[in-house]
Amino acid sequence: MIKKLRRIFLISVFLISMVLLNVSSSVIGEPIVGDIILNPEKPKMQSDVTFTVDISGDSISSVRLVLNECNKPKAICHAPPQNVSMNKVSGNTYRTVVTLQWDDVSSITYHIELKSGGKWIVYEEFTTNLAIDSEGSSGSNGSPGFEIMVFFIAIVCVVLLFKKFKLK
């Protein structure tokens, strides 16, 4: 009876220690990715964007940024996504510069992937809306001077109306 209890006790201690070892290695071993900072915060289409992120953890062998350019009104994202390596600039800071390629997009979607301990880890995805180009939204139809023509016709009409009422 004592041998059975001793055996059950040893098996339960072994199983508990294996579970704790597995949990502690997965919690301690995974690197922590901080906020991804964009410069400029609201990029324009086909512009250069600098991505900076702080990553704390050991055994990080490779970091990359995966970026999709999307057109929300059309509900499409251009394929394939850009897959850009990030360089370690100092301490735990990684940085890369990406040139946006498409001229019909309204947002970018991006996330960090890193290789640690021989396996790739994919982190949370973020979306940033692009800045609206103020030149493209001015309401101009591309005909220079067209507004002046409308103004000139309006003045002629007003002058003709005054002459008509003056003659009566």
Protein backbone atom coordinates (compact mmCIF):
# COMPACT_ATOMS: atom_id res chain seq x y z
CA MET A 1 0.00 0.00 0.00
CA ILE A 2 2.80 2.44 0.88
CA LYS A 3 4.59 1.53 -2.36
CA LYS A 4 1.45 2.40 -4.36
CA LEU A 5 1.09 5.75 -2.60
CA ARG A 6 4.77 6.51 -3.12
CA ARG A 7 4.47 5.63 -6.82
CA ILE A 8 1.34 7.82 -7.27
CA PHE A 9 3.08 10.67 -5.42
CA LEU A 10 6.20 10.45 -7.61
CA ILE A 11 4.15 10.30 -10.81
CA SER A 12 2.06 13.30 -9.78
CA VAL A 13 5.19 15.33 -8.83
CA PHE A 14 6.74 14.42 -12.17
CA LEU A 15 3.62 15.45 -14.13
CA ILE A 16 3.25 18.73 -12.22
CA SER A 17 6.91 19.61 -12.76
CA MET A 18 6.62 18.85 -16.49
CA VAL A 19 3.55 21.12 -16.79
CA LEU A 20 5.28 23.93 -14.87
CA LEU A 21 8.44 23.56 -16.94
CA ASN A 22 6.45 23.74 -20.17
CA VAL A 23 4.44 26.79 -19.04
CA SER A 24 7.48 28.68 -17.75
CA SER A 25 9.51 28.06 -20.91
CA SER A 26 6.71 29.28 -23.17
CA VAL A 27 6.06 32.41 -21.07
CA ILE A 28 9.70 33.33 -20.54
CA GLY A 29 10.96 32.38 -23.99
CA GLU A 30 8.64 34.45 -26.21
CA PRO A 31 9.92 37.97 -27.02
CA ILE A 32 7.74 40.99 -26.26
CA VAL A 33 7.00 43.41 -29.12
CA GLY A 34 6.28 47.04 -28.20
CA ASP A 35 4.27 49.59 -30.16
CA ILE A 36 5.08 49.96 -33.85
CA ILE A 37 5.84 53.62 -34.58
CA LEU A 38 5.31 55.03 -38.08
CA ASN A 39 7.02 58.14 -39.40
CA PRO A 40 5.03 59.94 -40.74
CA GLU A 41 2.06 58.82 -38.63
CA LYS A 42 -0.35 59.28 -41.58
CA PRO A 43 1.68 58.44 -44.69
CA LYS A 44 0.58 59.32 -48.22
CA MET A 45 0.26 56.93 -51.14
CA GLN A 46 3.57 55.99 -52.78
CA SER A 47 5.63 57.64 -50.02
CA ASP A 48 8.46 56.37 -47.82
CA VAL A 49 7.43 55.22 -44.34
CA THR A 50 9.84 54.45 -41.47
CA PHE A 51 8.73 51.68 -39.11
CA THR A 52 10.36 51.48 -35.67
CA VAL A 53 9.64 48.90 -32.94
CA ASP A 54 11.16 47.88 -29.61
CA ILE A 55 11.46 44.12 -29.07
CA SER A 56 12.66 42.66 -25.80
CA GLY A 57 13.73 39.07 -25.51
CA ASP A 58 16.59 36.67 -26.03
CA SER A 59 17.65 34.66 -29.05
CA ILE A 60 16.03 36.89 -31.68
CA SER A 61 17.72 35.94 -34.93
CA SER A 62 15.53 37.72 -37.49
CA VAL A 63 12.77 40.37 -37.54
CA ARG A 64 10.61 41.29 -40.50
CA LEU A 65 7.68 43.57 -41.24
CA VAL A 66 4.82 42.26 -43.39
CA LEU A 67 2.88 45.09 -45.06
CA ASN A 68 -0.30 45.05 -47.18
CA GLU A 69 -1.60 48.08 -49.06
CA CYS A 70 -5.41 48.04 -49.12
CA ASN A 71 -8.28 49.90 -50.75
CA LYS A 72 -11.11 49.81 -48.19
CA PRO A 73 -13.92 51.12 -50.46
CA LYS A 74 -13.19 48.34 -52.98
CA ALA A 75 -12.44 45.82 -50.17
CA ILE A 76 -9.19 44.65 -51.79
CA CYS A 77 -5.57 44.39 -50.74
CA HIS A 78 -2.81 44.27 -53.32
CA ALA A 79 -0.89 41.01 -53.45
CA PRO A 80 1.70 39.93 -52.64
CA PRO A 81 2.37 41.78 -49.36
CA GLN A 82 5.75 43.42 -48.87
CA ASN A 83 7.98 41.33 -46.60
CA VAL A 84 10.79 43.60 -45.37
CA SER A 85 13.67 42.73 -43.03
CA MET A 86 14.12 45.03 -40.03
CA ASN A 87 17.59 46.03 -38.87
CA LYS A 88 18.66 46.37 -35.23
CA VAL A 89 19.68 50.01 -34.75
CA SER A 90 20.39 50.11 -31.00
CA GLY A 91 19.57 48.09 -27.92
CA ASN A 92 16.18 46.50 -28.53
CA THR A 93 15.15 48.88 -31.33
CA TYR A 94 14.55 47.63 -34.87
CA ARG A 95 13.87 49.88 -37.87
CA THR A 96 13.13 49.71 -41.60
CA VAL A 97 12.03 52.07 -44.36
CA VAL A 98 9.30 50.93 -46.76
CA THR A 99 8.19 52.64 -49.97
CA LEU A 100 4.46 52.31 -50.56
CA GLN A 101 3.91 51.08 -54.12
CA TRP A 102 0.26 51.60 -55.06
CA ASP A 103 -1.61 54.81 -55.93
CA ASP A 104 -5.16 53.57 -55.30
CA VAL A 105 -4.97 52.59 -51.62
CA SER A 106 -6.62 54.10 -48.56
CA SER A 107 -4.89 52.14 -45.76
CA ILE A 108 -1.97 49.90 -44.87
CA THR A 109 -2.14 46.76 -42.74
CA TYR A 110 1.06 45.50 -41.12
CA HIS A 111 2.44 43.14 -38.48
CA ILE A 112 5.76 41.93 -37.09
CA GLU A 113 7.13 38.41 -37.54
CA LEU A 114 10.28 37.35 -35.73
CA LYS A 115 12.41 34.26 -35.47
CA SER A 116 13.32 33.29 -31.93
CA GLY A 117 14.58 29.94 -30.73
CA GLY A 118 14.38 28.53 -34.25
CA LYS A 119 10.66 29.23 -34.75
CA TRP A 120 8.77 32.10 -36.38
CA ILE A 121 6.33 34.04 -34.20
CA VAL A 122 3.60 36.19 -35.81
CA TYR A 123 2.31 39.16 -33.80
CA GLU A 124 -0.88 41.24 -33.86
CA GLU A 125 -1.88 43.03 -37.07
CA PHE A 126 -2.47 46.81 -37.19
CA THR A 127 -4.16 49.09 -39.74
CA THR A 128 -3.36 52.74 -40.45
CA ASN A 129 -5.39 54.96 -42.76
CA LEU A 130 -3.38 56.94 -45.27
CA ALA A 131 -3.43 60.74 -45.45
CA ILE A 132 -5.65 62.16 -48.15
CA ASP A 133 -3.70 64.11 -50.74
CA SER A 134 -4.97 67.71 -50.52
CA GLU A 135 -4.15 68.37 -54.18
CA GLY A 136 -6.28 65.47 -55.39
CA SER A 137 -9.34 66.47 -53.34
CA SER A 138 -9.56 70.18 -54.26
CA GLY A 139 -12.52 69.59 -56.55
CA SER A 140 -10.63 70.77 -59.62
CA ASN A 141 -11.59 69.10 -62.84
CA GLY A 142 -8.16 69.66 -64.37
CA SER A 143 -9.26 72.58 -66.61
CA PRO A 144 -7.20 75.57 -65.58
CA GLY A 145 -9.15 78.79 -65.68
CA PHE A 146 -12.58 77.15 -65.92
CA GLU A 147 -13.71 78.89 -62.73
CA ILE A 148 -12.74 82.25 -64.25
CA MET A 149 -14.96 81.56 -67.26
CA VAL A 150 -17.97 80.85 -65.02
CA PHE A 151 -17.29 84.06 -63.08
CA PHE A 152 -16.99 86.07 -66.31
CA ILE A 153 -20.29 84.71 -67.67
CA ALA A 154 -22.01 85.55 -64.36
CA ILE A 155 -20.77 89.17 -64.55
CA VAL A 156 -21.98 89.51 -68.16
CA CYS A 157 -25.42 88.20 -67.14
CA VAL A 158 -25.64 90.68 -64.24
CA VAL A 159 -24.61 93.59 -66.51
CA LEU A 160 -27.24 92.58 -69.11
CA LEU A 161 -29.94 92.39 -66.41
CA PHE A 162 -29.06 95.88 -65.14
CA LYS A 163 -29.19 97.31 -68.69
CA LYS A 164 -32.57 95.67 -69.27
CA PHE A 165 -34.06 97.18 -66.09
CA LYS A 166 -32.38 100.56 -66.75
CA LEU A 167 -33.96 100.82 -70.20
CA LYS A 168 -37.52 100.45 -68.87
